[in-house]
Amino acid sequence: MAGTADRHDDDGEGAPRWVKISAAIAVVLVVVFVIVHLAGGGMAGHTP
């Protein structure tokens, strides 16, 4: 059964590719959200 090891092309960490991609997208969205707020933009309705 030497061919069974070649069935998976990931790095063997156990997490499916879609989980890694979803996590990367979530991190990017959070970083953009934080940058926008630190720059003073967005959610302008919160200021009195």
Protein backbone atom coordinates (compact mmCIF):
# COMPACT_ATOMS: atom_id res chain seq x y z
CA MET A 1 0.00 0.00 0.00
CA ALA A 2 2.70 2.48 -0.93
CA GLY A 3 0.27 4.60 -2.96
CA THR A 4 -1.93 5.57 0.00
CA ALA A 5 0.53 8.19 1.28
CA ASP A 6 0.26 10.08 -2.02
CA ARG A 7 -3.53 10.45 -1.79
CA HIS A 8 -3.32 13.61 0.31
CA ASP A 9 -1.38 16.55 -1.07
CA ASP A 10 -1.52 18.66 2.11
CA ASP A 11 1.34 19.03 4.57
CA GLY A 12 -0.09 16.52 7.03
CA GLU A 13 -1.13 18.97 9.75
CA GLY A 14 -4.65 17.56 9.76
CA ALA A 15 -6.63 20.71 8.94
CA PRO A 16 -8.40 20.67 5.59
CA ARG A 17 -7.43 23.28 3.02
CA TRP A 18 -10.81 25.06 3.27
CA VAL A 19 -10.29 25.59 7.00
CA LYS A 20 -6.90 27.18 6.42
CA ILE A 21 -8.28 29.43 3.67
CA SER A 22 -11.26 30.46 5.80
CA ALA A 23 -8.99 31.28 8.73
CA ALA A 24 -6.70 33.35 6.49
CA ILE A 25 -9.66 35.31 5.11
CA ALA A 26 -10.98 35.91 8.64
CA VAL A 27 -7.58 37.18 9.80
CA VAL A 28 -7.33 39.54 6.82
CA LEU A 29 -10.83 40.92 7.49
CA VAL A 30 -10.04 41.51 11.17
CA VAL A 31 -6.77 43.27 10.30
CA VAL A 32 -8.53 45.51 7.76
CA PHE A 33 -11.28 46.27 10.31
CA VAL A 34 -8.72 47.27 12.95
CA ILE A 35 -6.71 49.41 10.53
CA VAL A 36 -9.83 51.25 9.35
CA HIS A 37 -10.84 52.01 12.93
CA LEU A 38 -7.37 53.10 14.00
CA ALA A 39 -7.18 55.37 10.96
CA GLY A 40 -10.37 57.10 12.12
CA GLY A 41 -12.71 55.88 9.42
CA GLY A 42 -15.75 53.66 9.54
CA MET A 43 -18.55 53.46 12.09
CA ALA A 44 -18.71 57.28 12.12
CA GLY A 45 -22.17 57.11 13.70
CA HIS A 46 -20.60 56.23 17.04
CA THR A 47 -19.10 59.68 17.54
CA PRO A 48 -21.40 62.21 19.25
